PDB file of N, CA and C in Angstrom:
ATOM      1  N   UNK A   1      17.167  -3.849  10.724  1.00  0.00           N
ATOM      2  CA  UNK A   1      18.246  -3.823   9.764  1.00  0.00           C
ATOM      3  C   UNK A   1      17.679  -4.229   8.396  1.00  0.00           C
ATOM      4  N   UNK A   2      17.946  -3.423   7.387  1.00  0.00           N
ATOM      5  CA  UNK A   2      17.437  -3.707   6.048  1.00  0.00           C
ATOM      6  C   UNK A   2      18.271  -4.796   5.377  1.00  0.00           C
ATOM      7  N   UNK A   3      17.739  -5.314   4.295  1.00  0.00           N
ATOM      8  CA  UNK A   3      18.452  -6.351   3.544  1.00  0.00           C
ATOM      9  C   UNK A   3      19.772  -5.805   3.009  1.00  0.00           C
ATOM     10  N   UNK A   4      19.765  -4.583   2.535  1.00  0.00           N
ATOM     11  CA  UNK A   4      20.988  -3.966   2.021  1.00  0.00           C
ATOM     12  C   UNK A   4      22.035  -3.853   3.123  1.00  0.00           C
ATOM     13  N   UNK A   5      21.608  -3.491   4.310  1.00  0.00           N
ATOM     14  CA  UNK A   5      22.543  -3.385   5.439  1.00  0.00           C
ATOM     15  C   UNK A   5      23.093  -4.749   5.831  1.00  0.00           C
ATOM     16  N   UNK A   6      22.250  -5.771   5.788  1.00  0.00           N
ATOM     17  CA  UNK A   6      22.710  -7.120   6.127  1.00  0.00           C
ATOM     18  C   UNK A   6      23.740  -7.622   5.123  1.00  0.00           C
ATOM     19  N   UNK A   7      23.500  -7.356   3.848  1.00  0.00           N
ATOM     20  CA  UNK A   7      24.454  -7.778   2.822  1.00  0.00           C
ATOM     21  C   UNK A   7      25.759  -6.999   2.967  1.00  0.00           C
ATOM     22  N   UNK A   8      25.675  -5.728   3.291  1.00  0.00           N
ATOM     23  CA  UNK A   8      26.890  -4.938   3.513  1.00  0.00           C
ATOM     24  C   UNK A   8      27.677  -5.509   4.689  1.00  0.00           C
ATOM     25  N   UNK A   9      26.971  -5.955   5.710  1.00  0.00           N
ATOM     26  CA  UNK A   9      27.626  -6.592   6.861  1.00  0.00           C
ATOM     27  C   UNK A   9      28.343  -7.866   6.424  1.00  0.00           C
ATOM     28  N   UNK A  10      27.671  -8.690   5.609  1.00  0.00           N
ATOM     29  CA  UNK A  10      28.296  -9.918   5.110  1.00  0.00           C
ATOM     30  C   UNK A  10      29.529  -9.605   4.266  1.00  0.00           C
ATOM     31  N   UNK A  11      29.434  -8.571   3.440  1.00  0.00           N
ATOM     32  CA  UNK A  11      30.591  -8.162   2.631  1.00  0.00           C
ATOM     33  C   UNK A  11      31.755  -7.773   3.537  1.00  0.00           C
ATOM     34  N   UNK A  12      31.443  -7.044   4.583  1.00  0.00           N
ATOM     35  CA  UNK A  12      32.478  -6.644   5.542  1.00  0.00           C
ATOM     36  C   UNK A  12      33.101  -7.843   6.225  1.00  0.00           C
ATOM     37  N   UNK A  13      32.272  -8.830   6.567  1.00  0.00           N
ATOM     38  CA  UNK A  13      32.806 -10.051   7.178  1.00  0.00           C
ATOM     39  C   UNK A  13      33.751 -10.784   6.230  1.00  0.00           C
ATOM     40  N   UNK A  14      33.344 -10.909   4.981  1.00  0.00           N
ATOM     41  CA  UNK A  14      34.174 -11.614   4.002  1.00  0.00           C
ATOM     42  C   UNK A  14      35.516 -10.906   3.844  1.00  0.00           C
ATOM     43  N   UNK A  15      35.473  -9.589   3.758  1.00  0.00           N
ATOM     44  CA  UNK A  15      36.720  -8.833   3.607  1.00  0.00           C
ATOM     45  C   UNK A  15      37.524  -8.839   4.901  1.00  0.00           C
ATOM     46  N   UNK A  16      36.838  -8.682   6.025  1.00  0.00           N
ATOM     47  CA  UNK A  16      37.522  -8.629   7.320  1.00  0.00           C
ATOM     48  C   UNK A  16      38.150  -9.949   7.715  1.00  0.00           C
ATOM     49  N   UNK A  17      37.516 -11.048   7.358  1.00  0.00           N
ATOM     50  CA  UNK A  17      38.059 -12.365   7.688  1.00  0.00           C
ATOM     51  C   UNK A  17      39.152 -12.788   6.714  1.00  0.00           C
ATOM     52  N   UNK A  18      39.332 -11.995   5.678  1.00  0.00           N
ATOM     53  CA  UNK A  18      40.386 -12.299   4.722  1.00  0.00           C
ATOM     54  C   UNK A  18      40.121 -13.555   3.920  1.00  0.00           C
ATOM     55  N   UNK A  19      38.880 -13.720   3.478  1.00  0.00           N
ATOM     56  CA  UNK A  19      38.545 -14.884   2.665  1.00  0.00           C
ATOM     57  C   UNK A  19      39.392 -14.839   1.397  1.00  0.00           C
ATOM     58  N   UNK A  20      40.080 -15.928   1.139  1.00  0.00           N
ATOM     59  CA  UNK A  20      41.005 -16.013   0.007  1.00  0.00           C
ATOM     60  C   UNK A  20      40.205 -16.200  -1.277  1.00  0.00           C
ATOM     61  N   UNK A  21      40.235 -15.182  -2.138  1.00  0.00           N
ATOM     62  CA  UNK A  21      39.454 -15.281  -3.369  1.00  0.00           C
ATOM     63  C   UNK A  21      40.175 -16.050  -4.474  1.00  0.00           C
ATOM     64  N   UNK A  22      41.336 -16.607  -4.149  1.00  0.00           N
ATOM     65  CA  UNK A  22      42.014 -17.469  -5.120  1.00  0.00           C
ATOM     66  C   UNK A  22      41.608 -18.925  -4.932  1.00  0.00           C
ATOM     67  N   UNK A  23      41.041 -19.241  -3.768  1.00  0.00           N
ATOM     68  CA  UNK A  23      40.573 -20.612  -3.542  1.00  0.00           C
ATOM     69  C   UNK A  23      39.170 -20.776  -4.121  1.00  0.00           C
ATOM     70  N   UNK A  24      38.781 -22.010  -4.365  1.00  0.00           N
ATOM     71  CA  UNK A  24      37.452 -22.289  -4.917  1.00  0.00           C
ATOM     72  C   UNK A  24      36.362 -21.800  -3.973  1.00  0.00           C
ATOM     73  N   UNK A  25      36.538 -22.099  -2.695  1.00  0.00           N
ATOM     74  CA  UNK A  25      35.527 -21.711  -1.705  1.00  0.00           C
ATOM     75  C   UNK A  25      35.426 -20.193  -1.579  1.00  0.00           C
ATOM     76  N   UNK A  26      36.574 -19.536  -1.589  1.00  0.00           N
ATOM     77  CA  UNK A  26      36.595 -18.078  -1.467  1.00  0.00           C
ATOM     78  C   UNK A  26      35.906 -17.394  -2.633  1.00  0.00           C
ATOM     79  N   UNK A  27      36.141 -17.912  -3.843  1.00  0.00           N
ATOM     80  CA  UNK A  27      35.494 -17.337  -5.029  1.00  0.00           C
ATOM     81  C   UNK A  27      33.980 -17.534  -4.958  1.00  0.00           C
ATOM     82  N   UNK A  28      33.564 -18.705  -4.492  1.00  0.00           N
ATOM     83  CA  UNK A  28      32.121 -18.969  -4.370  1.00  0.00           C
ATOM     84  C   UNK A  28      31.490 -18.030  -3.345  1.00  0.00           C
ATOM     85  N   UNK A  29      32.134 -17.891  -2.193  1.00  0.00           N
ATOM     86  CA  UNK A  29      31.593 -17.020  -1.140  1.00  0.00           C
ATOM     87  C   UNK A  29      31.490 -15.588  -1.642  1.00  0.00           C
ATOM     88  N   UNK A  30      32.541 -15.085  -2.297  1.00  0.00           N
ATOM     89  CA  UNK A  30      32.501 -13.705  -2.804  1.00  0.00           C
ATOM     90  C   UNK A  30      31.445 -13.549  -3.894  1.00  0.00           C
ATOM     91  N   UNK A  31      31.302 -14.562  -4.760  1.00  0.00           N
ATOM     92  CA  UNK A  31      30.283 -14.487  -5.814  1.00  0.00           C
ATOM     93  C   UNK A  31      28.883 -14.475  -5.210  1.00  0.00           C
ATOM     94  N   UNK A  32      28.669 -15.277  -4.179  1.00  0.00           N
ATOM     95  CA  UNK A  32      27.361 -15.307  -3.507  1.00  0.00           C
ATOM     96  C   UNK A  32      27.058 -13.955  -2.873  1.00  0.00           C
ATOM     97  N   UNK A  33      28.038 -13.372  -2.225  1.00  0.00           N
ATOM     98  CA  UNK A  33      27.839 -12.068  -1.588  1.00  0.00           C
ATOM     99  C   UNK A  33      27.557 -11.000  -2.644  1.00  0.00           C
ATOM    100  N   UNK A  34      28.240 -11.065  -3.795  1.00  0.00           N
ATOM    101  CA  UNK A  34      27.978 -10.105  -4.870  1.00  0.00           C
ATOM    102  C   UNK A  34      26.550 -10.252  -5.407  1.00  0.00           C
ATOM    103  N   UNK A  35      26.101 -11.492  -5.577  1.00  0.00           N
ATOM    104  CA  UNK A  35      24.729 -11.727  -6.044  1.00  0.00           C
ATOM    105  C   UNK A  35      23.731 -11.223  -5.003  1.00  0.00           C
ATOM    106  N   UNK A  36      24.003 -11.483  -3.733  1.00  0.00           N
ATOM    107  CA  UNK A  36      23.121 -10.993  -2.668  1.00  0.00           C
ATOM    108  C   UNK A  36      23.059  -9.469  -2.675  1.00  0.00           C
ATOM    109  N   UNK A  37      24.189  -8.830  -2.928  1.00  0.00           N
ATOM    110  CA  UNK A  37      24.235  -7.372  -2.982  1.00  0.00           C
ATOM    111  C   UNK A  37      23.358  -6.856  -4.124  1.00  0.00           C
ATOM    112  N   UNK A  38      23.485  -7.465  -5.297  1.00  0.00           N
ATOM    113  CA  UNK A  38      22.646  -7.067  -6.436  1.00  0.00           C
ATOM    114  C   UNK A  38      21.163  -7.275  -6.127  1.00  0.00           C
ATOM    115  N   UNK A  39      20.843  -8.405  -5.513  1.00  0.00           N
ATOM    116  CA  UNK A  39      19.449  -8.697  -5.178  1.00  0.00           C
ATOM    117  C   UNK A  39      18.911  -7.702  -4.154  1.00  0.00           C
ATOM    118  N   UNK A  40      19.723  -7.343  -3.178  1.00  0.00           N
ATOM    119  CA  UNK A  40      19.283  -6.396  -2.154  1.00  0.00           C
ATOM    120  C   UNK A  40      19.011  -5.026  -2.765  1.00  0.00           C
ATOM    121  N   UNK A  41      19.862  -4.595  -3.695  1.00  0.00           N
ATOM    122  CA  UNK A  41      19.641  -3.303  -4.352  1.00  0.00           C
ATOM    123  C   UNK A  41      18.379  -3.337  -5.211  1.00  0.00           C
ATOM    124  N   UNK A  42      18.171  -4.439  -5.918  1.00  0.00           N
ATOM    125  CA  UNK A  42      16.960  -4.585  -6.730  1.00  0.00           C
ATOM    126  C   UNK A  42      15.720  -4.592  -5.845  1.00  0.00           C
ATOM    127  N   UNK A  43      15.789  -5.300  -4.732  1.00  0.00           N
ATOM    128  CA  UNK A  43      14.667  -5.351  -3.794  1.00  0.00           C
ATOM    129  C   UNK A  43      14.354  -3.964  -3.244  1.00  0.00           C
ATOM    130  N   UNK A  44      15.375  -3.209  -2.946  1.00  0.00           N
ATOM    131  CA  UNK A  44      15.180  -1.850  -2.447  1.00  0.00           C
ATOM    132  C   UNK A  44      14.476  -0.990  -3.496  1.00  0.00           C
ATOM    133  N   UNK A  45      14.890  -1.129  -4.760  1.00  0.00           N
ATOM    134  CA  UNK A  45      14.234  -0.388  -5.843  1.00  0.00           C
ATOM    135  C   UNK A  45      12.772  -0.799  -5.982  1.00  0.00           C
ATOM    136  N   UNK A  46      12.507  -2.090  -5.886  1.00  0.00           N
ATOM    137  CA  UNK A  46      11.129  -2.590  -5.993  1.00  0.00           C
ATOM    138  C   UNK A  46      10.279  -2.041  -4.847  1.00  0.00           C
ATOM    139  N   UNK A  47      10.821  -2.032  -3.643  1.00  0.00           N
ATOM    140  CA  UNK A  47      10.079  -1.500  -2.494  1.00  0.00           C
ATOM    141  C   UNK A  47       9.755  -0.023  -2.699  1.00  0.00           C
ATOM    142  N   UNK A  48      10.713   0.743  -3.236  1.00  0.00           N
ATOM    143  CA  UNK A  48      10.467   2.158  -3.514  1.00  0.00           C
ATOM    144  C   UNK A  48       9.364   2.325  -4.555  1.00  0.00           C
ATOM    145  N   UNK A  49       9.418   1.504  -5.607  1.00  0.00           N
ATOM    146  CA  UNK A  49       8.396   1.579  -6.658  1.00  0.00           C
ATOM    147  C   UNK A  49       7.019   1.215  -6.123  1.00  0.00           C
ATOM    148  N   UNK A  50       6.944   0.189  -5.296  1.00  0.00           N
ATOM    149  CA  UNK A  50       5.663  -0.224  -4.713  1.00  0.00           C
ATOM    150  C   UNK A  50       5.100   0.890  -3.833  1.00  0.00           C
ATOM    151  N   UNK A  51       5.959   1.529  -3.075  1.00  0.00           N
ATOM    152  CA  UNK A  51       5.511   2.629  -2.216  1.00  0.00           C
ATOM    153  C   UNK A  51       4.959   3.781  -3.057  1.00  0.00           C
ATOM    154  N   UNK A  52       5.662   4.107  -4.135  1.00  0.00           N
ATOM    155  CA  UNK A  52       5.212   5.186  -5.013  1.00  0.00           C
ATOM    156  C   UNK A  52       3.887   4.834  -5.685  1.00  0.00           C
ATOM    157  N   UNK A  53       3.771   3.605  -6.165  1.00  0.00           N
ATOM    158  CA  UNK A  53       2.530   3.173  -6.810  1.00  0.00           C
ATOM    159  C   UNK A  53       1.382   3.165  -5.805  1.00  0.00           C
ATOM    160  N   UNK A  54       1.656   2.756  -4.577  1.00  0.00           N
ATOM    161  CA  UNK A  54       0.627   2.737  -3.539  1.00  0.00           C
ATOM    162  C   UNK A  54       0.101   4.143  -3.273  1.00  0.00           C
ATOM    163  N   UNK A  55       0.998   5.119  -3.236  1.00  0.00           N
ATOM    164  CA  UNK A  55       0.578   6.505  -3.035  1.00  0.00           C
ATOM    165  C   UNK A  55      -0.284   6.983  -4.200  1.00  0.00           C
ATOM    166  N   UNK A  56       0.102   6.598  -5.425  1.00  0.00           N
ATOM    167  CA  UNK A  56      -0.678   6.993  -6.597  1.00  0.00           C
ATOM    168  C   UNK A  56      -2.057   6.344  -6.586  1.00  0.00           C
ATOM    169  N   UNK A  57      -2.129   5.084  -6.196  1.00  0.00           N
ATOM    170  CA  UNK A  57      -3.420   4.389  -6.119  1.00  0.00           C
ATOM    171  C   UNK A  57      -4.312   5.053  -5.074  1.00  0.00           C
ATOM    172  N   UNK A  58      -3.736   5.435  -3.943  1.00  0.00           N
ATOM    173  CA  UNK A  58      -4.519   6.126  -2.914  1.00  0.00           C
ATOM    174  C   UNK A  58      -5.071   7.446  -3.446  1.00  0.00           C
ATOM    175  N   UNK A  59      -4.252   8.179  -4.201  1.00  0.00           N
ATOM    176  CA  UNK A  59      -4.702   9.453  -4.765  1.00  0.00           C
ATOM    177  C   UNK A  59      -5.828   9.232  -5.772  1.00  0.00           C
ATOM    178  N   UNK A  60      -5.695   8.218  -6.623  1.00  0.00           N
ATOM    179  CA  UNK A  60      -6.744   7.905  -7.599  1.00  0.00           C
ATOM    180  C   UNK A  60      -8.018   7.474  -6.877  1.00  0.00           C
ATOM    181  N   UNK A  61      -7.876   6.703  -5.799  1.00  0.00           N
ATOM    182  CA  UNK A  61      -9.032   6.261  -5.025  1.00  0.00           C
ATOM    183  C   UNK A  61      -9.783   7.450  -4.437  1.00  0.00           C
ATOM    184  N   UNK A  62      -9.041   8.418  -3.914  1.00  0.00           N
ATOM    185  CA  UNK A  62      -9.681   9.609  -3.354  1.00  0.00           C
ATOM    186  C   UNK A  62     -10.394  10.405  -4.446  1.00  0.00           C
ATOM    187  N   UNK A  63      -9.738  10.537  -5.614  1.00  0.00           N
ATOM    188  CA  UNK A  63     -10.369  11.254  -6.724  1.00  0.00           C
ATOM    189  C   UNK A  63     -11.635  10.541  -7.188  1.00  0.00           C
ATOM    190  N   UNK A  64     -11.585   9.221  -7.271  1.00  0.00           N
ATOM    191  CA  UNK A  64     -12.751   8.441  -7.682  1.00  0.00           C
ATOM    192  C   UNK A  64     -13.888   8.591  -6.672  1.00  0.00           C
ATOM    193  N   UNK A  65     -13.540   8.621  -5.403  1.00  0.00           N
ATOM    194  CA  UNK A  65     -14.560   8.801  -4.366  1.00  0.00           C
ATOM    195  C   UNK A  65     -15.257  10.148  -4.530  1.00  0.00           C
ATOM    196  N   UNK A  66     -14.474  11.192  -4.834  1.00  0.00           N
ATOM    197  CA  UNK A  66     -15.066  12.510  -5.059  1.00  0.00           C
ATOM    198  C   UNK A  66     -15.987  12.501  -6.279  1.00  0.00           C
ATOM    199  N   UNK A  67     -15.545  11.835  -7.351  1.00  0.00           N
ATOM    200  CA  UNK A  67     -16.375  11.748  -8.554  1.00  0.00           C
ATOM    201  C   UNK A  67     -17.668  10.986  -8.287  1.00  0.00           C
ATOM    202  N   UNK A  68     -17.584   9.904  -7.520  1.00  0.00           N
ATOM    203  CA  UNK A  68     -18.785   9.132  -7.188  1.00  0.00           C
ATOM    204  C   UNK A  68     -19.764   9.975  -6.387  1.00  0.00           C
ATOM    205  N   UNK A  69     -19.244  10.760  -5.449  1.00  0.00           N
ATOM    206  CA  UNK A  69     -20.127  11.622  -4.660  1.00  0.00           C
ATOM    207  C   UNK A  69     -20.801  12.656  -5.549  1.00  0.00           C
ATOM    208  N   UNK A  70     -20.025  13.233  -6.498  1.00  0.00           N
ATOM    209  CA  UNK A  70     -20.602  14.226  -7.407  1.00  0.00           C
ATOM    210  C   UNK A  70     -21.631  13.595  -8.337  1.00  0.00           C
ATOM    211  N   UNK A  71     -21.350  12.404  -8.826  1.00  0.00           N
ATOM    212  CA  UNK A  71     -22.231  11.764  -9.801  1.00  0.00           C
ATOM    213  C   UNK A  71     -23.471  11.165  -9.152  1.00  0.00           C
ATOM    214  N   UNK A  72     -23.273  10.402  -8.088  1.00  0.00           N
ATOM    215  CA  UNK A  72     -24.388   9.702  -7.455  1.00  0.00           C
ATOM    216  C   UNK A  72     -25.038  10.511  -6.348  1.00  0.00           C
ATOM    217  N   UNK A  73     -24.338  11.466  -5.818  1.00  0.00           N
ATOM    218  CA  UNK A  73     -24.862  12.239  -4.708  1.00  0.00           C
ATOM    219  C   UNK A  73     -24.788  11.445  -3.422  1.00  0.00           C
ATOM    220  N   UNK A  74     -25.407  11.980  -2.405  1.00  0.00           N
ATOM    221  CA  UNK A  74     -25.415  11.308  -1.112  1.00  0.00           C
ATOM    222  C   UNK A  74     -26.542  10.286  -1.108  1.00  0.00           C
ATOM    223  N   UNK A  75     -26.235   9.043  -0.860  1.00  0.00           N
ATOM    224  CA  UNK A  75     -27.252   7.986  -0.891  1.00  0.00           C
ATOM    225  C   UNK A  75     -28.286   8.161   0.215  1.00  0.00           C
ATOM    226  N   UNK A  76     -27.916   8.820   1.304  1.00  0.00           N
ATOM    227  CA  UNK A  76     -28.868   9.045   2.388  1.00  0.00           C
ATOM    228  C   UNK A  76     -30.018   9.940   1.929  1.00  0.00           C
ATOM    229  N   UNK A  77     -29.731  10.873   1.032  1.00  0.00           N
ATOM    230  CA  UNK A  77     -30.782  11.748   0.533  1.00  0.00           C
ATOM    231  C   UNK A  77     -31.817  10.954  -0.244  1.00  0.00           C
ATOM    232  N   UNK A  78     -31.378   9.938  -0.980  1.00  0.00           N
ATOM    233  CA  UNK A  78     -32.304   9.116  -1.747  1.00  0.00           C
ATOM    234  C   UNK A  78     -33.246   8.352  -0.825  1.00  0.00           C
ATOM    235  N   UNK A  79     -32.727   7.873   0.293  1.00  0.00           N
ATOM    236  CA  UNK A  79     -33.564   7.127   1.224  1.00  0.00           C
ATOM    237  C   UNK A  79     -34.667   8.008   1.801  1.00  0.00           C
ATOM    238  N   UNK A  80     -34.371   9.270   2.069  1.00  0.00           N
ATOM    239  CA  UNK A  80     -35.359  10.170   2.644  1.00  0.00           C
ATOM    240  C   UNK A  80     -36.479  10.474   1.654  1.00  0.00           C
ATOM    241  N   UNK A  81     -36.181  10.487   0.376  1.00  0.00           N
ATOM    242  CA  UNK A  81     -37.195  10.859  -0.611  1.00  0.00           C
ATOM    243  C   UNK A  81     -38.213   9.746  -0.835  1.00  0.00           C
ATOM    244  N   UNK A  82     -37.940   8.544  -0.378  1.00  0.00           N
ATOM    245  CA  UNK A  82     -38.868   7.432  -0.557  1.00  0.00           C
ATOM    246  C   UNK A  82     -40.001   7.455   0.468  1.00  0.00           C
ATOM    247  N   UNK A  83     -39.891   8.286   1.476  1.00  0.00           N
ATOM    248  CA  UNK A  83     -40.897   8.330   2.536  1.00  0.00           C
ATOM    249  C   UNK A  83     -41.545   9.710   2.589  1.00  0.00           C
ATOM    250  N   UNK A  84     -42.831   9.698   2.934  1.00  0.00           N
ATOM    251  CA  UNK A  84     -43.567  10.946   3.104  1.00  0.00           C
ATOM    252  C   UNK A  84     -43.955  11.071   4.568  1.00  0.00           C
ATOM    253  N   UNK A  85     -43.820  12.275   5.071  1.00  0.00           N
ATOM    254  CA  UNK A  85     -44.173  12.522   6.465  1.00  0.00           C
ATOM    255  C   UNK A  85     -45.535  13.210   6.503  1.00  0.00           C
ATOM    256  N   UNK A  86     -46.437  12.615   7.245  1.00  0.00           N
ATOM    257  CA  UNK A  86     -47.765  13.202   7.427  1.00  0.00           C
ATOM    258  C   UNK A  86     -48.020  13.389   8.915  1.00  0.00           C
ATOM    259  N   UNK A  87     -48.676  14.475   9.240  1.00  0.00           N
ATOM    260  CA  UNK A  87     -49.032  14.737  10.630  1.00  0.00           C
ATOM    261  C   UNK A  87     -50.542  14.607  10.763  1.00  0.00           C
ATOM    262  N   UNK A  88     -50.945  13.815  11.733  1.00  0.00           N
ATOM    263  CA  UNK A  88     -52.372  13.595  11.971  1.00  0.00           C
ATOM    264  C   UNK A  88     -52.982  14.904  12.491  1.00  0.00           C
ATOM    265  N   UNK A  89     -54.060  15.383  11.845  1.00  0.00           N
ATOM    266  CA  UNK A  89     -54.659  16.644  12.279  1.00  0.00           C
ATOM    267  C   UNK A  89     -55.353  16.555  13.640  1.00  0.00           C
ATOM    268  N   UNK A  90     -55.746  15.345  14.045  1.00  0.00           N
ATOM    269  CA  UNK A  90     -56.460  15.203  15.313  1.00  0.00           C
ATOM    270  C   UNK A  90     -55.511  15.073  16.496  1.00  0.00           C
ATOM    271  N   UNK A  91     -54.497  14.145  16.360  1.00  0.00           N
ATOM    272  CA  UNK A  91     -53.634  13.893  17.522  1.00  0.00           C
ATOM    273  C   UNK A  91     -52.243  14.515  17.378  1.00  0.00           C
ATOM    274  N   UNK A  92     -51.859  14.940  16.178  1.00  0.00           N
ATOM    275  CA  UNK A  92     -50.555  15.570  15.972  1.00  0.00           C
ATOM    276  C   UNK A  92     -49.406  14.584  15.813  1.00  0.00           C
ATOM    277  N   UNK A  93     -49.715  13.281  15.774  1.00  0.00           N
ATOM    278  CA  UNK A  93     -48.666  12.274  15.626  1.00  0.00           C
ATOM    279  C   UNK A  93     -48.154  12.269  14.186  1.00  0.00           C
ATOM    280  N   UNK A  94     -46.840  12.098  14.045  1.00  0.00           N
ATOM    281  CA  UNK A  94     -46.239  12.053  12.716  1.00  0.00           C
ATOM    282  C   UNK A  94     -46.226  10.616  12.224  1.00  0.00           C
ATOM    283  N   UNK A  95     -46.636  10.447  10.968  1.00  0.00           N
ATOM    284  CA  UNK A  95     -46.695   9.131  10.339  1.00  0.00           C
ATOM    285  C   UNK A  95     -45.853   9.199   9.066  1.00  0.00           C
ATOM    286  N   UNK A  96     -45.041   8.164   8.840  1.00  0.00           N
ATOM    287  CA  UNK A  96     -44.201   8.104   7.646  1.00  0.00           C
ATOM    288  C   UNK A  96     -44.726   7.022   6.719  1.00  0.00           C
ATOM    289  N   UNK A  97     -44.951   7.389   5.451  1.00  0.00           N
ATOM    290  CA  UNK A  97     -45.473   6.463   4.450  1.00  0.00           C
ATOM    291  C   UNK A  97     -44.492   6.388   3.286  1.00  0.00           C
ATOM    292  N   UNK A  98     -44.402   5.180   2.710  1.00  0.00           N
ATOM    293  CA  UNK A  98     -43.566   5.057   1.510  1.00  0.00           C
ATOM    294  C   UNK A  98     -44.455   4.979   0.288  1.00  0.00           C
ATOM    295  N   UNK A  99     -43.840   4.956  -0.903  1.00  0.00           N
ATOM    296  CA  UNK A  99     -44.601   4.896  -2.157  1.00  0.00           C
ATOM    297  C   UNK A  99     -45.310   3.629  -2.210  1.00  0.00           C
TER     298      UNK A  99
END
């Protein structure tokens, strides 16, 4: 159950129980429920905004990853270029040497 649904339930209880809004207690209870309703709607908007921003950040992250691959290339290729492969002419064994 979402916060908005819970506040709607509380509003229904206040109305269903016939809380007297002419009494001090009744006015306080109704005011609290109204504030909770406003807060729940604001929270829902914030959650929607966070979800949208999260999707945008993921998209930017993917684009940045593609740019890094294009700019830096594959790092595994760099590791291979640091070693030279030589084959022994007598025994045929492969030997790897670095710079």
